[in-house]
Each structure stands twice: as C-alpha cells, then as structure tokens.
C-alpha atoms as a PDB file:
ATOM      1  CA  UNK A   1      88.199 137.417  98.748  1.00  0.00           C
ATOM      2  CA  UNK A   2      87.316 134.099  97.074  1.00  0.00           C
ATOM      3  CA  UNK A   3      88.595 133.588  93.114  1.00  0.00           C
ATOM      4  CA  UNK A   4      85.517 133.487  90.862  1.00  0.00           C
ATOM      5  CA  UNK A   5      85.808 131.642  87.775  1.00  0.00           C
ATOM      6  CA  UNK A   6      82.827 132.819  84.998  1.00  0.00           C
ATOM      7  CA  UNK A   7      81.705 129.755  82.953  1.00  0.00           C
ATOM      8  CA  UNK A   8      81.613 131.193  79.127  1.00  0.00           C
ATOM      9  CA  UNK A   9      78.427 131.026  77.500  1.00  0.00           C
ATOM     10  CA  UNK A  10      79.636 128.571  75.372  1.00  0.00           C
ATOM     11  CA  UNK A  11      80.286 125.498  78.209  1.00  0.00           C
ATOM     12  CA  UNK A  12      77.540 123.444  78.462  1.00  0.00           C
ATOM     13  CA  UNK A  13      79.155 120.470  80.915  1.00  0.00           C
ATOM     14  CA  UNK A  14      82.296 120.819  83.301  1.00  0.00           C
ATOM     15  CA  UNK A  15      83.652 117.668  84.668  1.00  0.00           C
ATOM     16  CA  UNK A  16      85.168 118.226  88.232  1.00  0.00           C
ATOM     17  CA  UNK A  17      87.821 115.121  89.561  1.00  0.00           C
ATOM     18  CA  UNK A  18      90.644 114.869  91.853  1.00  0.00           C
ATOM     19  CA  UNK A  19      93.249 112.692  93.901  1.00  0.00           C
ATOM     20  CA  UNK A  20      94.322 110.747  90.628  1.00  0.00           C
ATOM     21  CA  UNK A  21      97.672 110.565  92.517  1.00  0.00           C
ATOM     22  CA  UNK A  22      99.409 109.682  89.326  1.00  0.00           C
ATOM     23  CA  UNK A  23     102.855 108.245  89.412  1.00  0.00           C
ATOM     24  CA  UNK A  24     105.341 105.873  87.221  1.00  0.00           C
ATOM     25  CA  UNK A  25     103.536 103.099  89.217  1.00  0.00           C
ATOM     26  CA  UNK A  26      99.982 104.188  88.271  1.00  0.00           C
ATOM     27  CA  UNK A  27      99.910 103.665  84.263  1.00  0.00           C
ATOM     28  CA  UNK A  28      96.310 102.276  84.176  1.00  0.00           C
ATOM     29  CA  UNK A  29      95.469 105.451  85.865  1.00  0.00           C
ATOM     30  CA  UNK A  30      96.916 107.723  83.422  1.00  0.00           C
ATOM     31  CA  UNK A  31      95.559 106.050  80.789  1.00  0.00           C
ATOM     32  CA  UNK A  32      92.039 106.106  82.071  1.00  0.00           C
ATOM     33  CA  UNK A  33      92.697 110.281  82.585  1.00  0.00           C
ATOM     34  CA  UNK A  34      93.980 110.456  78.948  1.00  0.00           C
ATOM     35  CA  UNK A  35      90.959 108.340  77.611  1.00  0.00           C
ATOM     36  CA  UNK A  36      88.429 110.657  79.502  1.00  0.00           C
ATOM     37  CA  UNK A  37      90.207 113.706  78.527  1.00  0.00           C
ATOM     38  CA  UNK A  38      89.859 112.716  74.824  1.00  0.00           C
ATOM     39  CA  UNK A  39      86.150 111.482  75.022  1.00  0.00           C
ATOM     40  CA  UNK A  40      84.503 113.577  77.382  1.00  0.00           C
ATOM     41  CA  UNK A  41      81.732 116.187  75.986  1.00  0.00           C
ATOM     42  CA  UNK A  42      82.375 118.492  78.512  1.00  0.00           C
ATOM     43  CA  UNK A  43      84.074 121.969  77.391  1.00  0.00           C
ATOM     44  CA  UNK A  44      86.123 121.978  80.551  1.00  0.00           C
ATOM     45  CA  UNK A  45      87.998 119.834  83.001  1.00  0.00           C
ATOM     46  CA  UNK A  46      88.424 121.108  86.379  1.00  0.00           C
ATOM     47  CA  UNK A  47      91.352 119.127  88.568  1.00  0.00           C
ATOM     48  CA  UNK A  48      90.675 119.732  92.114  1.00  0.00           C
ATOM     49  CA  UNK A  49      94.330 118.976  93.640  1.00  0.00           C
ATOM     50  CA  UNK A  50      96.439 115.899  94.140  1.00  0.00           C
ATOM     51  CA  UNK A  51      96.705 114.946  90.337  1.00  0.00           C
ATOM     52  CA  UNK A  52     100.306 114.074  91.252  1.00  0.00           C
ATOM     53  CA  UNK A  53     100.873 111.349  93.856  1.00  0.00           C
ATOM     54  CA  UNK A  54     104.148 114.150  94.518  1.00  0.00           C
ATOM     55  CA  UNK A  55     105.867 116.966  92.627  1.00  0.00           C
ATOM     56  CA  UNK A  56     108.971 118.380  93.734  1.00  0.00           C
ATOM     57  CA  UNK A  57     109.468 121.499  91.600  1.00  0.00           C
ATOM     58  CA  UNK A  58     108.766 122.167  87.693  1.00  0.00           C
ATOM     59  CA  UNK A  59     112.246 121.159  86.965  1.00  0.00           C
ATOM     60  CA  UNK A  60     111.173 117.526  87.200  1.00  0.00           C
ATOM     61  CA  UNK A  61     108.820 118.101  84.627  1.00  0.00           C
ATOM     62  CA  UNK A  62     111.534 116.721  82.160  1.00  0.00           C
ATOM     63  CA  UNK A  63     111.777 113.555  83.658  1.00  0.00           C
ATOM     64  CA  UNK A  64     110.389 110.343  81.899  1.00  0.00           C
ATOM     65  CA  UNK A  65     107.200 109.962  83.696  1.00  0.00           C
ATOM     66  CA  UNK A  66     106.600 113.535  84.087  1.00  0.00           C
ATOM     67  CA  UNK A  67     107.306 114.315  80.617  1.00  0.00           C
ATOM     68  CA  UNK A  68     104.923 111.845  79.704  1.00  0.00           C
ATOM     69  CA  UNK A  69     101.935 113.161  81.830  1.00  0.00           C
ATOM     70  CA  UNK A  70     102.972 116.842  81.111  1.00  0.00           C
ATOM     71  CA  UNK A  71     102.433 115.643  76.894  1.00  0.00           C
ATOM     72  CA  UNK A  72      99.327 113.952  77.793  1.00  0.00           C
ATOM     73  CA  UNK A  73      97.720 117.160  79.132  1.00  0.00           C
ATOM     74  CA  UNK A  74      99.173 119.334  76.778  1.00  0.00           C
ATOM     75  CA  UNK A  75      97.620 117.535  73.960  1.00  0.00           C
ATOM     76  CA  UNK A  76      94.055 117.377  75.980  1.00  0.00           C
ATOM     77  CA  UNK A  77      94.433 121.082  76.558  1.00  0.00           C
ATOM     78  CA  UNK A  78      94.036 121.762  72.370  1.00  0.00           C
ATOM     79  CA  UNK A  79      90.354 120.565  72.787  1.00  0.00           C
ATOM     80  CA  UNK A  80      89.438 121.647  76.382  1.00  0.00           C
ATOM     81  CA  UNK A  81      89.604 123.840  78.824  1.00  0.00           C
ATOM     82  CA  UNK A  82      91.511 122.144  81.347  1.00  0.00           C
ATOM     83  CA  UNK A  83      92.316 124.130  85.186  1.00  0.00           C
ATOM     84  CA  UNK A  84      94.701 123.246  87.733  1.00  0.00           C
ATOM     85  CA  UNK A  85      93.909 123.515  91.615  1.00  0.00           C
ATOM     86  CA  UNK A  86      97.163 122.491  93.865  1.00  0.00           C
ATOM     87  CA  UNK A  87      96.214 119.738  96.473  1.00  0.00           C
ATOM     88  CA  UNK A  88      98.373 118.492  99.243  1.00  0.00           C
ATOM     89  CA  UNK A  89     100.572 116.517  97.417  1.00  0.00           C
ATOM     90  CA  UNK A  90     101.350 118.618  94.310  1.00  0.00           C
ATOM     91  CA  UNK A  91     101.379 122.377  95.794  1.00  0.00           C
ATOM     92  CA  UNK A  92     104.749 123.118  94.256  1.00  0.00           C
ATOM     93  CA  UNK A  93     103.378 123.098  90.876  1.00  0.00           C
ATOM     94  CA  UNK A  94     104.396 126.152  89.304  1.00  0.00           C
ATOM     95  CA  UNK A  95     104.166 127.948  86.486  1.00  0.00           C
ATOM     96  CA  UNK A  96     106.210 126.390  84.548  1.00  0.00           C
ATOM     97  CA  UNK A  97     104.256 123.408  84.561  1.00  0.00           C
ATOM     98  CA  UNK A  98     101.267 124.998  83.814  1.00  0.00           C
ATOM     99  CA  UNK A  99     102.447 126.215  80.368  1.00  0.00           C
ATOM    100  CA  UNK A 100     103.825 123.318  79.352  1.00  0.00           C
ATOM    101  CA  UNK A 101     100.563 121.129  80.114  1.00  0.00           C
ATOM    102  CA  UNK A 102      98.283 123.818  79.064  1.00  0.00           C
ATOM    103  CA  UNK A 103      96.856 124.343  82.194  1.00  0.00           C
ATOM    104  CA  UNK A 104      95.069 127.411  83.863  1.00  0.00           C
ATOM    105  CA  UNK A 105      95.710 127.909  87.529  1.00  0.00           C
ATOM    106  CA  UNK A 106      92.728 127.608  90.107  1.00  0.00           C
ATOM    107  CA  UNK A 107      93.289 128.671  93.298  1.00  0.00           C
ATOM    108  CA  UNK A 108      92.265 126.933  96.313  1.00  0.00           C
ATOM    109  CA  UNK A 109      89.429 127.914  97.107  1.00  0.00           C
ATOM    110  CA  UNK A 110      87.726 129.058  94.067  1.00  0.00           C
ATOM    111  CA  UNK A 111      83.701 129.844  92.973  1.00  0.00           C
ATOM    112  CA  UNK A 112      82.630 128.351  89.884  1.00  0.00           C
ATOM    113  CA  UNK A 113      79.568 131.026  88.502  1.00  0.00           C
ATOM    114  CA  UNK A 114      78.024 128.250  86.034  1.00  0.00           C
ATOM    115  CA  UNK A 115      74.554 127.363  84.585  1.00  0.00           C
ATOM    116  CA  UNK A 116      72.709 129.768  87.082  1.00  0.00           C
ATOM    117  CA  UNK A 117      74.603 128.582  90.291  1.00  0.00           C
ATOM    118  CA  UNK A 118      77.628 129.185  92.366  1.00  0.00           C
ATOM    119  CA  UNK A 119      79.848 125.932  93.246  1.00  0.00           C
ATOM    120  CA  UNK A 120      82.270 126.374  95.641  1.00  0.00           C
ATOM    121  CA  UNK A 121      85.346 124.329  95.019  1.00  0.00           C
ATOM    122  CA  UNK A 122      88.449 123.161  97.563  1.00  0.00           C
ATOM    123  CA  UNK A 123      90.877 120.463  97.627  1.00  0.00           C
ATOM    124  CA  UNK A 124      89.562 120.237 101.315  1.00  0.00           C
ATOM    125  CA  UNK A 125      92.864 119.635 102.926  1.00  0.00           C
ATOM    126  CA  UNK A 126      92.525 123.375 104.468  1.00  0.00           C
ATOM    127  CA  UNK A 127      89.254 122.368 106.129  1.00  0.00           C
ATOM    128  CA  UNK A 128      90.622 119.061 107.990  1.00  0.00           C
ATOM    129  CA  UNK A 129      91.021 121.226 111.106  1.00  0.00           C
ATOM    130  CA  UNK A 130      91.074 118.173 113.610  1.00  0.00           C
ATOM    131  CA  UNK A 131      94.233 117.133 111.873  1.00  0.00           C
ATOM    132  CA  UNK A 132      96.334 119.367 113.858  1.00  0.00           C
ATOM    133  CA  UNK A 133     100.036 117.637 112.716  1.00  0.00           C
ATOM    134  CA  UNK A 134      99.159 118.257 109.064  1.00  0.00           C
ATOM    135  CA  UNK A 135      97.788 122.016 109.764  1.00  0.00           C
ATOM    136  CA  UNK A 136     100.981 122.541 111.383  1.00  0.00           C
ATOM    137  CA  UNK A 137     102.923 121.132 108.474  1.00  0.00           C
ATOM    138  CA  UNK A 138     100.821 122.615 105.883  1.00  0.00           C
ATOM    139  CA  UNK A 139     101.651 126.005 107.495  1.00  0.00           C
ATOM    140  CA  UNK A 140     105.116 125.081 107.325  1.00  0.00           C
ATOM    141  CA  UNK A 141     105.232 124.138 103.762  1.00  0.00           C
ATOM    142  CA  UNK A 142     103.092 126.911 101.983  1.00  0.00           C
ATOM    143  CA  UNK A 143     105.316 129.362 103.626  1.00  0.00           C
ATOM    144  CA  UNK A 144     107.589 130.873 100.813  1.00  0.00           C
ATOM    145  CA  UNK A 145     110.466 130.727 103.092  1.00  0.00           C
ATOM    146  CA  UNK A 146     110.146 127.174 103.103  1.00  0.00           C
ATOM    147  CA  UNK A 147     109.431 126.784  99.470  1.00  0.00           C
ATOM    148  CA  UNK A 148     112.067 129.114  98.646  1.00  0.00           C
ATOM    149  CA  UNK A 149     114.538 126.828 100.422  1.00  0.00           C
ATOM    150  CA  UNK A 150     113.191 123.514  99.350  1.00  0.00           C
ATOM    151  CA  UNK A 151     113.329 124.481  95.776  1.00  0.00           C
ATOM    152  CA  UNK A 152     117.000 125.586  95.857  1.00  0.00           C
ATOM    153  CA  UNK A 153     118.326 122.194  96.777  1.00  0.00           C
ATOM    154  CA  UNK A 154     119.207 119.668  93.937  1.00  0.00           C
ATOM    155  CA  UNK A 155     116.387 117.821  92.118  1.00  0.00           C
ATOM    156  CA  UNK A 156     118.108 114.426  93.556  1.00  0.00           C
ATOM    157  CA  UNK A 157     117.500 115.375  97.012  1.00  0.00           C
ATOM    158  CA  UNK A 158     113.693 116.683  96.221  1.00  0.00           C
ATOM    159  CA  UNK A 159     112.528 113.478  94.849  1.00  0.00           C
ATOM    160  CA  UNK A 160     114.415 111.444  97.629  1.00  0.00           C
ATOM    161  CA  UNK A 161     112.300 113.759 100.098  1.00  0.00           C
ATOM    162  CA  UNK A 162     109.595 112.703  97.967  1.00  0.00           C
ATOM    163  CA  UNK A 163     110.142 108.989  98.139  1.00  0.00           C
ATOM    164  CA  UNK A 164     110.417 109.438 101.776  1.00  0.00           C
ATOM    165  CA  UNK A 165     107.225 111.320 102.117  1.00  0.00           C
ATOM    166  CA  UNK A 166     105.240 109.030 100.147  1.00  0.00           C
ATOM    167  CA  UNK A 167     106.235 105.937 102.175  1.00  0.00           C
ATOM    168  CA  UNK A 168     105.664 107.670 105.360  1.00  0.00           C
ATOM    169  CA  UNK A 169     102.217 108.631 103.835  1.00  0.00           C
ATOM    170  CA  UNK A 170     101.287 105.358 102.684  1.00  0.00           C
ATOM    171  CA  UNK A 171     102.090 104.103 106.192  1.00  0.00           C
ATOM    172  CA  UNK A 172      99.702 106.183 107.990  1.00  0.00           C
ATOM    173  CA  UNK A 173      97.256 107.337 105.249  1.00  0.00           C
ATOM    174  CA  UNK A 174      94.339 104.716 106.680  1.00  0.00           C
ATOM    175  CA  UNK A 175      94.265 106.159 110.389  1.00  0.00           C
ATOM    176  CA  UNK A 176      94.812 109.500 108.640  1.00  0.00           C
ATOM    177  CA  UNK A 177      91.780 109.215 106.728  1.00  0.00           C
ATOM    178  CA  UNK A 178      89.537 107.783 109.268  1.00  0.00           C
ATOM    179  CA  UNK A 179      91.108 110.318 111.902  1.00  0.00           C
ATOM    180  CA  UNK A 180      90.403 113.492 109.705  1.00  0.00           C
ATOM    181  CA  UNK A 181      87.483 114.969 108.237  1.00  0.00           C
ATOM    182  CA  UNK A 182      86.577 118.694 106.949  1.00  0.00           C
ATOM    183  CA  UNK A 183      85.243 120.648 109.836  1.00  0.00           C
ATOM    184  CA  UNK A 184      81.717 121.263 109.467  1.00  0.00           C
ATOM    185  CA  UNK A 185      81.703 125.030 110.682  1.00  0.00           C
ATOM    186  CA  UNK A 186      84.710 126.018 108.753  1.00  0.00           C
ATOM    187  CA  UNK A 187      82.671 124.306 105.396  1.00  0.00           C
ATOM    188  CA  UNK A 188      79.469 126.561 106.241  1.00  0.00           C
ATOM    189  CA  UNK A 189      81.564 129.771 106.940  1.00  0.00           C
ATOM    190  CA  UNK A 190      83.632 129.128 103.855  1.00  0.00           C
ATOM    191  CA  UNK A 191      79.915 128.887 101.573  1.00  0.00           C
ATOM    192  CA  UNK A 192      78.680 131.891 103.298  1.00  0.00           C
ATOM    193  CA  UNK A 193      81.601 133.918 102.374  1.00  0.00           C
ATOM    194  CA  UNK A 194      81.455 132.402  98.898  1.00  0.00           C
ATOM    195  CA  UNK A 195      77.883 133.067  98.522  1.00  0.00           C
ATOM    196  CA  UNK A 196      77.261 129.459  97.603  1.00  0.00           C
ATOM    197  CA  UNK A 197      75.180 126.448  98.703  1.00  0.00           C
ATOM    198  CA  UNK A 198      76.871 123.538  97.792  1.00  0.00           C
ATOM    199  CA  UNK A 199      80.824 122.440  98.449  1.00  0.00           C
ATOM    200  CA  UNK A 200      82.501 120.035  95.982  1.00  0.00           C
ATOM    201  CA  UNK A 201      86.254 119.209  97.259  1.00  0.00           C
ATOM    202  CA  UNK A 202      88.474 115.784  97.090  1.00  0.00           C
ATOM    203  CA  UNK A 203      91.195 115.209  99.552  1.00  0.00           C
ATOM    204  CA  UNK A 204      89.258 112.344 101.935  1.00  0.00           C
ATOM    205  CA  UNK A 205      88.948 109.608  99.648  1.00  0.00           C
ATOM    206  CA  UNK A 206      85.647 109.142 100.597  1.00  0.00           C
ATOM    207  CA  UNK A 207      82.827 110.139  98.031  1.00  0.00           C
ATOM    208  CA  UNK A 208      79.784 110.955  99.886  1.00  0.00           C
ATOM    209  CA  UNK A 209      77.262 113.850 100.182  1.00  0.00           C
ATOM    210  CA  UNK A 210      76.855 115.451 103.485  1.00  0.00           C
ATOM    211  CA  UNK A 211      74.009 117.756 104.224  1.00  0.00           C
ATOM    212  CA  UNK A 212      75.584 120.824 106.576  1.00  0.00           C
ATOM    213  CA  UNK A 213      72.050 121.875 107.082  1.00  0.00           C
ATOM    214  CA  UNK A 214      70.340 125.504 106.241  1.00  0.00           C
ATOM    215  CA  UNK A 215      70.134 123.982 103.036  1.00  0.00           C
ATOM    216  CA  UNK A 216      73.897 124.055 102.750  1.00  0.00           C
ATOM    217  CA  UNK A 217      75.469 120.539 101.369  1.00  0.00           C
ATOM    218  CA  UNK A 218      79.354 119.442 100.668  1.00  0.00           C
ATOM    219  CA  UNK A 219      79.992 116.668  97.752  1.00  0.00           C
ATOM    220  CA  UNK A 220      83.001 114.537  97.949  1.00  0.00           C
ATOM    221  CA  UNK A 221      84.967 113.662  94.957  1.00  0.00           C
ATOM    222  CA  UNK A 222      86.322 109.898  94.781  1.00  0.00           C
ATOM    223  CA  UNK A 223      90.041 109.274  93.969  1.00  0.00           C
ATOM    224  CA  UNK A 224      91.104 107.246  91.112  1.00  0.00           C
ATOM    225  CA  UNK A 225      92.720 104.036  91.187  1.00  0.00           C
ATOM    226  CA  UNK A 226      92.997 102.129  88.049  1.00  0.00           C
ATOM    227  CA  UNK A 227      95.767 100.008  89.069  1.00  0.00           C
ATOM    228  CA  UNK A 228      93.748  98.685  91.965  1.00  0.00           C
ATOM    229  CA  UNK A 229      91.636  95.392  91.939  1.00  0.00           C
ATOM    230  CA  UNK A 230      88.905  96.361  91.572  1.00  0.00           C
ATOM    231  CA  UNK A 231      89.521  99.496  89.872  1.00  0.00           C
ATOM    232  CA  UNK A 232      87.823 102.718  90.881  1.00  0.00           C
ATOM    233  CA  UNK A 233      86.905 106.229  90.192  1.00  0.00           C
ATOM    234  CA  UNK A 234      84.275 108.560  89.136  1.00  0.00           C
ATOM    235  CA  UNK A 235      83.776 112.144  88.508  1.00  0.00           C
ATOM    236  CA  UNK A 236      81.702 114.996  88.956  1.00  0.00           C
ATOM    237  CA  UNK A 237      79.634 116.644  86.008  1.00  0.00           C
ATOM    238  CA  UNK A 238      78.026 120.280  86.263  1.00  0.00           C
ATOM    239  CA  UNK A 239      75.474 121.323  83.512  1.00  0.00           C
ATOM    240  CA  UNK A 240      71.875 123.086  83.564  1.00  0.00           C
ATOM    241  CA  UNK A 241      70.606 119.745  84.802  1.00  0.00           C
ATOM    242  CA  UNK A 242      72.534 120.481  87.928  1.00  0.00           C
ATOM    243  CA  UNK A 243      75.254 118.298  89.470  1.00  0.00           C
ATOM    244  CA  UNK A 244      75.624 114.298  88.593  1.00  0.00           C
ATOM    245  CA  UNK A 245      78.084 111.709  89.803  1.00  0.00           C
ATOM    246  CA  UNK A 246      79.155 109.524  87.056  1.00  0.00           C
ATOM    247  CA  UNK A 247      80.959 106.249  87.945  1.00  0.00           C
ATOM    248  CA  UNK A 248      83.775 105.558  85.440  1.00  0.00           C
END
C-alpha cells in the first residue's frame, strides 16, 4: 500500500525539490537551499531524494560538513514542515539524522493529498527498469543484511567507500543519465495503484513534463548546482492554482 500524506488545512503552498547533491564542495548550493528555506512562503518543503551527494550513516552527522547541513535544516524546521524522501545517494539516512535535523520521513513512493488532488511523489530511481545493473545494485544495497554489514564498518572505511563511489558515479553519470529513464508502463501502473494522475519525481536531472496517455503525466524536477557556471536549479510548487515550476 502506498503511503499517503494528507496536507493540513493550513497549508496553502508546498514546495518540492530534489537532487541537490550537497557535499563539502557545494557551498553555494547549500547556501541557496538555506536561503530558500528561510524565504519560501510555503508551509511545507518536501525533499524528494539525493539531497546529499552521499550519506554513509547517521554517525557521520557530527563531521564538519554534515553538522553544518544538519544545523541549517534544523533551523529551517522551526518555521517549516520539512519532509525527507531517500534517494539513491542518501538511502542510508536514518532516524538519528531525521530527528537532529527536524525532518519527517517520507517513504518512496508517497501520495500527497493536497488542494483537491492526489499527487504521486517518488525519487524515480526504482522506475528506471532499463538500467539493470543499477537495479541489481539497488536490490542488494537496500537489503537489511547489506545495510547492517555496511553500517557496522568503521566510519573511515565507509567514507572511503563513499568517495570511491562518487568518483565512479561522476565518471559514468553522463552515459547513465542518457541510457536510463523511467519506464512508462511502471509509471502508469504506479499512478493507477495510487489513484493519481500526476507523478512528480527527480533522479534523472532532466526537468520536463511527459504525457503518459489516458490523462496521466509525469513531471521531472531539476537537479540543483549553484556552484556551476551557469548555476541551475528550480522547484515545483503545489497550491490551489495547481502545479507551478519556479526557476531559482
């Protein structure tokens, strides 16, 4: 059964964003997130995965970069409801990080009941069925046995693994993004199961809107990189007006 989040009556705007890939080498992106969280008129912000470039366990949250990010999120959580959905980079975020940062867990996928509509939300990686190598890795890395074994390793070893994984990912990312996209049949099946007509997701870094037929659609969030030249990033805002894509 797909998790459902019902928007309280006081919510008039909800922001959706994903794929910020925050890390020690993205200070401008983190600063832009902090600014948005401080200024947005929305009552809730839903982070739909890959907020961190890598997350190797909640015991890393006391490291310099991670501690700064946690403090920023915790401060924002005093004025906003902030929800966190895991992505393929930060699926090891656990309850300790969520509590310290003032975040509420949001399963992947989830339905948001808001403004008279049902919006289906996902990170998007689970629907990239053509990328069979990734799906095999995803099945392994999401198993309780693998995660227990990995998290039992010393933090330094896990950080080294994370650095190696980032380097490999950057080397092959362009080819992976071009070769893999969400499977249309899987998206339609998920929408039917959810009783929704719009799927909103991230992961692919290709912001667009796709017609799935029969009144169904999927809307893709942008990644963020305000450390790049030129900087890039947008978000989707839901309200009684519907869905709006807002460049930042």
